[in-house]
C-alpha cells in the first residue's frame, strides 16, 4: 500500500499536480500511519469519529500539497 501511494504522489509531482518539494515517501508514510492510528482508535473506542477526523485532516494536507 505504501508503494502504491508513493507512486501516485510521484506521478502527481511529474504531472504538476503536486508541489515539487513534496517528499513522496514521507507523505505516503504519514498517510498510512494516520489511517492506521485512526482505525485502532475507532476500534478501541467504538467510535467512527476518529476515522472521520483523520480523513478530513488528510484531505486538507493533500490539498496543501497541490500546485
N, C-alpha and C. Protein backbone atom coordinates (compact mmCIF):
# COMPACT_ATOMS: atom_id res chain seq x y z
N UNK A 1 0.83 -1.19 0.00
CA UNK A 1 0.00 0.00 0.00
C UNK A 1 0.87 1.26 0.00
N UNK A 2 1.94 1.22 0.79
CA UNK A 2 2.83 2.38 0.87
C UNK A 2 3.38 2.73 -0.51
N UNK A 3 3.87 1.72 -1.20
CA UNK A 3 4.48 1.97 -2.50
C UNK A 3 3.46 2.51 -3.50
N UNK A 4 2.23 2.00 -3.46
CA UNK A 4 1.17 2.48 -4.35
C UNK A 4 0.92 3.97 -4.13
N UNK A 5 0.79 4.39 -2.89
CA UNK A 5 0.55 5.81 -2.57
C UNK A 5 1.76 6.65 -3.00
N UNK A 6 2.94 6.13 -2.73
CA UNK A 6 4.17 6.84 -3.11
C UNK A 6 4.23 7.04 -4.63
N UNK A 7 3.89 6.01 -5.39
CA UNK A 7 3.90 6.11 -6.86
C UNK A 7 2.88 7.15 -7.32
N UNK A 8 1.70 7.15 -6.74
CA UNK A 8 0.67 8.13 -7.13
C UNK A 8 1.14 9.55 -6.84
N UNK A 9 1.82 9.75 -5.73
CA UNK A 9 2.35 11.08 -5.41
C UNK A 9 3.44 11.46 -6.40
N UNK A 10 4.32 10.52 -6.71
CA UNK A 10 5.38 10.78 -7.70
C UNK A 10 4.77 11.18 -9.04
N UNK A 11 3.74 10.45 -9.45
CA UNK A 11 3.06 10.78 -10.72
C UNK A 11 2.43 12.16 -10.66
N UNK A 12 1.86 12.50 -9.52
CA UNK A 12 1.27 13.83 -9.34
C UNK A 12 2.30 14.93 -9.44
N UNK A 13 3.48 14.69 -8.91
CA UNK A 13 4.57 15.67 -9.00
C UNK A 13 5.00 15.82 -10.46
N UNK A 14 5.19 14.69 -11.14
CA UNK A 14 5.61 14.71 -12.55
C UNK A 14 4.59 15.42 -13.43
N UNK A 15 3.31 15.30 -13.10
CA UNK A 15 2.26 15.92 -13.91
C UNK A 15 1.93 17.33 -13.46
N UNK A 16 2.64 17.82 -12.45
CA UNK A 16 2.43 19.18 -11.98
C UNK A 16 1.23 19.36 -11.06
N UNK A 17 0.66 18.26 -10.60
CA UNK A 17 -0.49 18.35 -9.69
C UNK A 17 -0.05 18.65 -8.26
N UNK A 18 1.12 18.12 -7.88
CA UNK A 18 1.65 18.36 -6.53
C UNK A 18 2.93 19.17 -6.62
N UNK A 19 3.21 19.88 -5.57
CA UNK A 19 4.43 20.69 -5.50
C UNK A 19 5.67 19.79 -5.60
N UNK A 20 6.70 20.32 -6.18
CA UNK A 20 7.93 19.54 -6.37
C UNK A 20 8.69 19.30 -5.06
N UNK A 21 8.39 20.08 -4.03
CA UNK A 21 9.08 19.89 -2.75
C UNK A 21 8.39 18.85 -1.86
N UNK A 22 7.36 18.20 -2.38
CA UNK A 22 6.66 17.15 -1.66
C UNK A 22 7.51 15.88 -1.68
N UNK A 23 7.75 15.29 -0.53
CA UNK A 23 8.52 14.05 -0.43
C UNK A 23 7.54 12.87 -0.50
N UNK A 24 7.53 12.13 -1.61
CA UNK A 24 6.57 11.04 -1.77
C UNK A 24 6.64 9.97 -0.68
N UNK A 25 7.83 9.57 -0.30
CA UNK A 25 7.99 8.55 0.73
C UNK A 25 7.44 9.03 2.07
N UNK A 26 7.84 10.21 2.46
CA UNK A 26 7.39 10.78 3.74
C UNK A 26 5.88 10.99 3.76
N UNK A 27 5.36 11.50 2.68
CA UNK A 27 3.91 11.75 2.60
C UNK A 27 3.12 10.45 2.65
N UNK A 28 3.55 9.44 1.91
CA UNK A 28 2.88 8.14 1.93
C UNK A 28 2.93 7.53 3.32
N UNK A 29 4.07 7.64 3.97
CA UNK A 29 4.22 7.11 5.34
C UNK A 29 3.25 7.79 6.29
N UNK A 30 3.15 9.10 6.22
CA UNK A 30 2.27 9.83 7.14
C UNK A 30 0.79 9.51 6.87
N UNK A 31 0.44 9.32 5.62
CA UNK A 31 -0.95 8.95 5.29
C UNK A 31 -1.29 7.60 5.91
N UNK A 32 -0.41 6.63 5.72
CA UNK A 32 -0.66 5.29 6.25
C UNK A 32 -0.67 5.28 7.77
N UNK A 33 0.31 5.92 8.38
CA UNK A 33 0.36 5.97 9.84
C UNK A 33 -0.89 6.63 10.41
N UNK A 34 -1.32 7.70 9.81
CA UNK A 34 -2.52 8.41 10.28
C UNK A 34 -3.75 7.52 10.19
N UNK A 35 -3.92 6.85 9.06
CA UNK A 35 -5.08 5.99 8.88
C UNK A 35 -5.04 4.77 9.80
N UNK A 36 -3.88 4.17 9.96
CA UNK A 36 -3.76 3.02 10.86
C UNK A 36 -4.08 3.41 12.30
N UNK A 37 -3.59 4.56 12.71
CA UNK A 37 -3.90 5.04 14.05
C UNK A 37 -5.38 5.31 14.24
N UNK A 38 -5.99 5.88 13.23
CA UNK A 38 -7.43 6.17 13.30
C UNK A 38 -8.24 4.88 13.36
N UNK A 39 -7.81 3.87 12.62
CA UNK A 39 -8.51 2.58 12.67
C UNK A 39 -8.43 1.98 14.06
N UNK A 40 -7.26 2.02 14.66
CA UNK A 40 -7.10 1.49 16.02
C UNK A 40 -7.97 2.26 17.01
N UNK A 41 -7.92 3.58 16.95
CA UNK A 41 -8.73 4.40 17.86
C UNK A 41 -10.22 4.14 17.68
N UNK A 42 -10.64 3.97 16.44
CA UNK A 42 -12.05 3.69 16.16
C UNK A 42 -12.47 2.36 16.76
N UNK A 43 -11.63 1.35 16.61
CA UNK A 43 -11.96 0.03 17.16
C UNK A 43 -11.93 0.02 18.68
N UNK A 44 -10.93 0.62 19.26
CA UNK A 44 -10.80 0.63 20.73
C UNK A 44 -11.96 1.38 21.38
N UNK A 45 -12.34 2.49 20.77
CA UNK A 45 -13.38 3.34 21.36
C UNK A 45 -14.76 3.14 20.75
N UNK A 46 -14.87 2.25 19.79
CA UNK A 46 -16.15 2.00 19.10
C UNK A 46 -16.80 3.31 18.65
N UNK A 47 -15.97 4.16 18.05
CA UNK A 47 -16.45 5.47 17.63
C UNK A 47 -15.82 5.84 16.28
N UNK A 48 -16.63 6.01 15.25
CA UNK A 48 -16.09 6.31 13.92
C UNK A 48 -15.54 7.73 13.76
N UNK A 49 -15.69 8.55 14.79
CA UNK A 49 -15.24 9.94 14.64
C UNK A 49 -13.74 10.03 14.36
N UNK A 50 -12.96 9.06 14.82
CA UNK A 50 -11.51 9.11 14.61
C UNK A 50 -11.15 8.94 13.14
N UNK A 51 -11.86 8.07 12.46
CA UNK A 51 -11.66 7.91 11.01
C UNK A 51 -12.10 9.18 10.30
N UNK A 52 -13.26 9.69 10.66
CA UNK A 52 -13.80 10.88 10.01
C UNK A 52 -12.87 12.08 10.19
N UNK A 53 -12.37 12.27 11.39
CA UNK A 53 -11.46 13.39 11.65
C UNK A 53 -10.15 13.23 10.87
N UNK A 54 -9.65 12.01 10.82
CA UNK A 54 -8.39 11.76 10.14
C UNK A 54 -8.52 11.96 8.63
N UNK A 55 -9.60 11.49 8.05
CA UNK A 55 -9.83 11.68 6.62
C UNK A 55 -9.95 13.17 6.30
N UNK A 56 -10.66 13.91 7.13
CA UNK A 56 -10.78 15.36 6.93
C UNK A 56 -9.40 16.03 7.00
N UNK A 57 -8.61 15.65 7.99
CA UNK A 57 -7.26 16.21 8.16
C UNK A 57 -6.38 15.88 6.95
N UNK A 58 -6.41 14.61 6.51
CA UNK A 58 -5.57 14.20 5.38
C UNK A 58 -5.99 14.89 4.09
N UNK A 59 -7.27 15.10 3.91
CA UNK A 59 -7.73 15.84 2.71
C UNK A 59 -7.15 17.25 2.70
N UNK A 60 -7.14 17.88 3.86
CA UNK A 60 -6.59 19.23 3.96
C UNK A 60 -5.08 19.23 3.65
N UNK A 61 -4.39 18.22 4.15
CA UNK A 61 -2.95 18.13 3.91
C UNK A 61 -2.65 17.87 2.44
N UNK A 62 -3.42 17.01 1.81
CA UNK A 62 -3.22 16.74 0.38
C UNK A 62 -3.51 18.00 -0.44
N UNK A 63 -4.56 18.71 -0.09
CA UNK A 63 -4.87 19.97 -0.80
C UNK A 63 -3.71 20.96 -0.68
N UNK A 64 -3.07 20.98 0.47
CA UNK A 64 -1.95 21.91 0.69
C UNK A 64 -0.72 21.53 -0.15
N UNK A 65 -0.65 20.29 -0.60
CA UNK A 65 0.47 19.84 -1.42
C UNK A 65 0.28 20.15 -2.90
N UNK A 66 -0.91 20.56 -3.26
CA UNK A 66 -1.19 20.83 -4.67
C UNK A 66 -0.55 22.14 -5.12
N UNK A 67 -0.25 22.18 -6.42
CA UNK A 67 0.32 23.40 -7.03
C UNK A 67 -0.75 24.45 -7.15
